[in-house]
Amino acid sequence: MASLLKSVGNWIRGKRDEAAQKLKDPILDGKFAIEDTEKQIAQFTQRIASLVAQNKRSERQAKEAEEEVAKWQTIAQKAIESGDEADARAALEKKMPAAQRLNTLKSELERNGALIKTLRAQLDNARAKVAKAKSDHTRLAARMEGAKIRQDLAKASNLFGSGDSPLSQLDDLARAVEEKETEAEAIEELAGAEDSTTKDLETKYGDGGNADIEAELQQLMSQTKKA
């Protein structure tokens, strides 16, 4: 029983795979694959754009932090020149968090810059692959259509030469015409034979309308002798 169920299951699976294979359309599948890839590229482009925007904000923050560091450095320098050590120390204390923030931002900018560069290269590579895929898809779709036309034409050519072809009706017409022509020739021959027989009999036994002419001729000849 288990073996039977397995056999039935395999048969159903085979039929399902066979149906799926018949429904498969490589050209349409390729078109959908390209469209799906383009959607993914669009999503990645948006994410990379967000990362670039974030990096630009970090650049502005770094510039602000750099200006803050320079400001407190200048104040500390002026306080030292004025002999006010306390003010100089306070200015340096203000400078320290700005310097730390600047170092952190610089680190992030360097790391993000390298990441963005890599992502852009990968994105450009993906776009180039999609462009090539589109070109290949168009070319291969044209070749596929050409192959289908050749295949269909070959099948049609075989059909044209078979007895099932619509053109075979012309052969039937030709045979019918030949039969009618042959019958007509036979009838003509029979009619011609009958006419020939009739003429032969008339020639042999009939006067052919010459009796009156002979009588008139004899009369003229007699009149001429008398004169």
Protein backbone atom coordinates (compact mmCIF):
# COMPACT_ATOMS: atom_id res chain seq x y z
CA MET A 1 0.00 0.00 0.00
CA ALA A 2 2.81 2.37 0.90
CA SER A 3 4.52 1.59 -2.40
CA LEU A 4 1.31 2.32 -4.28
CA LEU A 5 0.82 5.64 -2.50
CA LYS A 6 4.43 6.58 -3.25
CA SER A 7 3.96 5.73 -6.92
CA VAL A 8 0.78 7.80 -7.10
CA GLY A 9 2.53 10.67 -5.32
CA ASN A 10 5.44 10.53 -7.77
CA TRP A 11 3.03 10.48 -10.71
CA ILE A 12 1.19 13.55 -9.39
CA ARG A 13 4.48 15.32 -8.79
CA GLY A 14 5.63 14.48 -12.31
CA LYS A 15 2.44 15.83 -13.82
CA ARG A 16 2.75 18.99 -11.74
CA ASP A 17 6.33 19.53 -12.88
CA GLU A 18 5.32 18.82 -16.47
CA ALA A 19 2.54 21.40 -16.27
CA ALA A 20 4.91 23.93 -14.71
CA GLN A 21 7.42 23.32 -17.49
CA LYS A 22 4.75 23.93 -20.13
CA LEU A 23 3.73 27.18 -18.44
CA LYS A 24 7.32 28.36 -18.22
CA ASP A 25 8.11 31.36 -20.43
CA PRO A 26 11.85 32.21 -20.44
CA ILE A 27 11.30 35.59 -22.09
CA LEU A 28 8.64 36.65 -19.57
CA ASP A 29 10.65 35.21 -16.67
CA GLY A 30 13.69 37.19 -17.83
CA LYS A 31 11.61 40.38 -18.06
CA PHE A 32 10.29 39.91 -14.52
CA ALA A 33 13.80 39.14 -13.21
CA ILE A 34 15.10 42.42 -14.68
CA GLU A 35 12.16 44.35 -13.22
CA ASP A 36 12.72 42.81 -9.77
CA THR A 37 16.43 43.66 -9.93
CA GLU A 38 15.63 47.24 -10.92
CA LYS A 39 13.30 47.52 -7.91
CA GLN A 40 16.08 46.26 -5.63
CA ILE A 41 18.54 48.73 -7.14
CA ALA A 42 16.03 51.54 -6.58
CA GLN A 43 15.70 50.50 -2.93
CA PHE A 44 19.47 50.34 -2.46
CA THR A 45 19.83 53.71 -4.20
CA GLN A 46 17.40 55.24 -1.71
CA ARG A 47 19.26 53.71 1.23
CA ILE A 48 22.63 54.89 -0.06
CA ALA A 49 21.16 58.35 -0.66
CA SER A 50 20.01 58.42 2.99
CA LEU A 51 23.52 57.43 4.07
CA VAL A 52 25.03 60.19 1.91
CA ALA A 53 22.59 62.71 3.38
CA GLN A 54 23.52 61.60 6.90
CA ASN A 55 27.20 61.95 6.02
CA LYS A 56 26.62 65.48 4.79
CA ARG A 57 24.96 66.34 8.09
CA SER A 58 27.97 64.87 9.88
CA GLU A 59 30.23 67.05 7.76
CA ARG A 60 28.32 70.16 8.84
CA GLN A 61 28.49 69.04 12.47
CA ALA A 62 32.21 68.41 12.13
CA LYS A 63 32.69 71.87 10.70
CA GLU A 64 30.73 73.38 13.60
CA ALA A 65 32.79 71.36 16.09
CA GLU A 66 35.98 72.49 14.38
CA GLU A 67 34.88 76.12 14.63
CA GLU A 68 34.03 75.55 18.32
CA VAL A 69 37.48 74.10 18.99
CA ALA A 70 39.13 77.01 17.19
CA LYS A 71 37.07 79.53 19.13
CA TRP A 72 37.97 78.18 22.58
CA GLN A 73 41.57 77.72 21.51
CA THR A 74 41.70 81.38 20.55
CA ILE A 75 40.11 82.44 23.84
CA ALA A 76 42.57 80.30 25.81
CA GLN A 77 45.47 81.81 23.90
CA LYS A 78 44.28 85.35 24.56
CA ALA A 79 43.75 84.57 28.27
CA ILE A 80 47.34 83.29 28.54
CA GLU A 81 48.61 86.41 26.79
CA SER A 82 46.64 88.46 29.31
CA GLY A 83 48.13 86.50 32.18
CA ASP A 84 44.75 85.07 33.22
CA GLU A 85 45.50 81.40 33.83
CA ALA A 86 42.04 80.65 35.23
CA ASP A 87 40.29 81.94 32.11
CA ALA A 88 42.69 80.00 29.93
CA ARG A 89 41.95 76.81 31.86
CA ALA A 90 38.18 77.42 31.60
CA ALA A 91 38.47 77.99 27.84
CA LEU A 92 40.43 74.78 27.44
CA GLU A 93 37.81 72.92 29.43
CA LYS A 94 35.17 74.26 27.00
CA LYS A 95 37.33 73.24 24.08
CA MET A 96 37.74 69.62 25.21
CA PRO A 97 34.18 68.27 24.48
CA ALA A 98 34.14 70.06 21.14
CA ALA A 99 37.48 68.46 20.25
CA GLN A 100 36.21 65.03 21.30
CA ARG A 101 33.05 65.49 19.21
CA LEU A 102 35.19 66.61 16.28
CA ASN A 103 37.40 63.50 16.52
CA THR A 104 34.34 61.24 16.67
CA LEU A 105 32.76 62.94 13.68
CA LYS A 106 35.98 62.76 11.67
CA SER A 107 36.19 59.03 12.41
CA GLU A 108 32.60 58.51 11.32
CA LEU A 109 33.10 60.60 8.19
CA GLU A 110 36.16 58.61 7.19
CA ARG A 111 34.41 55.29 7.79
CA ASN A 112 31.17 56.37 6.09
CA GLY A 113 33.08 57.90 3.19
CA ALA A 114 34.83 54.59 2.49
CA LEU A 115 31.52 52.72 2.86
CA ILE A 116 29.69 55.10 0.51
CA LYS A 117 32.46 54.80 -2.05
CA THR A 118 32.21 50.99 -1.95
CA LEU A 119 28.41 51.06 -2.11
CA ARG A 120 28.43 53.45 -5.05
CA ALA A 121 30.85 51.20 -6.92
CA GLN A 122 28.64 48.19 -6.22
CA LEU A 123 25.57 50.14 -7.27
CA ASP A 124 27.21 51.24 -10.52
CA ASN A 125 28.24 47.64 -11.16
CA ALA A 126 24.67 46.44 -10.53
CA ARG A 127 23.29 49.08 -12.89
CA ALA A 128 25.78 48.05 -15.57
CA LYS A 129 24.73 44.42 -15.16
CA VAL A 130 21.06 45.35 -15.48
CA ALA A 131 21.78 47.41 -18.59
CA LYS A 132 23.63 44.44 -20.10
CA ALA A 133 20.81 42.11 -19.02
CA LYS A 134 18.28 44.35 -20.78
CA SER A 135 20.35 44.34 -23.95
CA ASP A 136 20.84 40.57 -23.76
CA HIS A 137 17.13 40.05 -23.04
CA THR A 138 16.12 42.07 -26.11
CA ARG A 139 18.63 40.23 -28.28
CA LEU A 140 17.74 36.78 -26.94
CA ALA A 141 14.00 37.50 -27.14
CA ALA A 142 14.44 38.34 -30.83
CA ARG A 143 16.42 35.13 -31.37
CA MET A 144 13.77 33.14 -29.51
CA GLU A 145 11.02 34.62 -31.68
CA GLY A 146 13.06 33.86 -34.79
CA ALA A 147 13.55 30.27 -33.65
CA LYS A 148 9.81 29.90 -33.01
CA ILE A 149 9.02 31.26 -36.47
CA ARG A 150 11.49 28.83 -38.03
CA GLN A 151 9.99 25.96 -36.06
CA ASP A 152 6.41 26.90 -36.92
CA LEU A 153 7.30 27.42 -40.58
CA ALA A 154 9.04 24.04 -40.71
CA LYS A 155 5.94 22.39 -39.25
CA ALA A 156 3.72 24.30 -41.67
CA SER A 157 5.93 23.24 -44.61
CA ASN A 158 5.54 19.62 -43.61
CA LEU A 159 1.79 20.15 -43.33
CA PHE A 160 1.67 21.78 -46.76
CA GLY A 161 3.13 18.62 -48.26
CA SER A 162 0.77 16.27 -46.48
CA GLY A 163 -2.68 15.09 -47.43
CA ASP A 164 -4.16 17.10 -44.55
CA SER A 165 -3.02 20.39 -46.05
CA PRO A 166 -5.66 22.83 -47.30
CA LEU A 167 -3.62 22.95 -50.49
CA SER A 168 -4.41 19.28 -51.07
CA GLN A 169 -7.85 20.49 -52.18
CA LEU A 170 -6.14 21.89 -55.26
CA ASP A 171 -4.93 18.39 -56.06
CA ASP A 172 -8.51 17.17 -55.79
CA LEU A 173 -9.59 19.98 -58.12
CA ALA A 174 -6.85 19.08 -60.61
CA ARG A 175 -7.96 15.45 -60.63
CA ALA A 176 -11.60 16.48 -61.08
CA VAL A 177 -10.66 18.75 -64.01
CA GLU A 178 -8.62 15.98 -65.64
CA GLU A 179 -11.55 13.58 -65.28
CA LYS A 180 -13.96 16.07 -66.85
CA GLU A 181 -11.54 16.82 -69.69
CA THR A 182 -11.08 13.09 -70.33
CA GLU A 183 -14.84 12.55 -70.40
CA ALA A 184 -15.25 15.50 -72.77
CA GLU A 185 -12.59 14.10 -75.10
CA ALA A 186 -14.31 10.70 -75.09
CA ILE A 187 -17.69 12.25 -75.89
CA GLU A 188 -16.11 14.32 -78.67
CA GLU A 189 -14.50 11.22 -80.15
CA LEU A 190 -17.80 9.34 -80.08
CA ALA A 191 -19.64 12.28 -81.65
CA GLY A 192 -16.95 12.61 -84.30
CA ALA A 193 -17.16 8.92 -85.15
CA GLU A 194 -20.93 9.14 -85.57
CA ASP A 195 -20.63 12.20 -87.87
CA SER A 196 -17.99 10.44 -89.94
CA THR A 197 -20.15 7.37 -90.38
CA THR A 198 -23.11 9.50 -91.47
CA LYS A 199 -21.03 11.40 -93.99
CA ASP A 200 -19.55 8.24 -95.44
CA LEU A 201 -23.04 6.78 -95.97
CA GLU A 202 -24.32 9.99 -97.55
CA THR A 203 -21.34 10.12 -99.86
CA LYS A 204 -21.74 6.50 -100.83
CA TYR A 205 -25.50 6.33 -101.32
CA GLY A 206 -26.76 9.88 -101.55
CA ASP A 207 -26.71 12.16 -104.58
CA GLY A 208 -25.38 14.93 -102.37
CA GLY A 209 -27.61 17.47 -104.22
CA ASN A 210 -25.67 17.01 -107.51
CA ALA A 211 -28.55 15.32 -109.51
CA ASP A 212 -30.20 18.61 -110.42
CA ILE A 213 -26.90 20.06 -111.52
CA GLU A 214 -26.22 17.03 -113.78
CA ALA A 215 -29.68 17.20 -115.31
CA GLU A 216 -29.33 20.90 -116.03
CA LEU A 217 -25.90 20.31 -117.50
CA GLN A 218 -27.21 17.57 -119.82
CA GLN A 219 -30.03 19.85 -120.94
CA LEU A 220 -27.63 22.63 -121.85
CA MET A 221 -25.45 20.25 -123.75
CA SER A 222 -28.40 18.90 -125.74
CA GLN A 223 -29.60 22.40 -126.64
CA THR A 224 -26.15 23.28 -127.82
CA LYS A 225 -25.95 20.27 -130.16
CA LYS A 226 -29.33 21.08 -131.69
CA ALA A 227 -28.30 24.59 -132.42
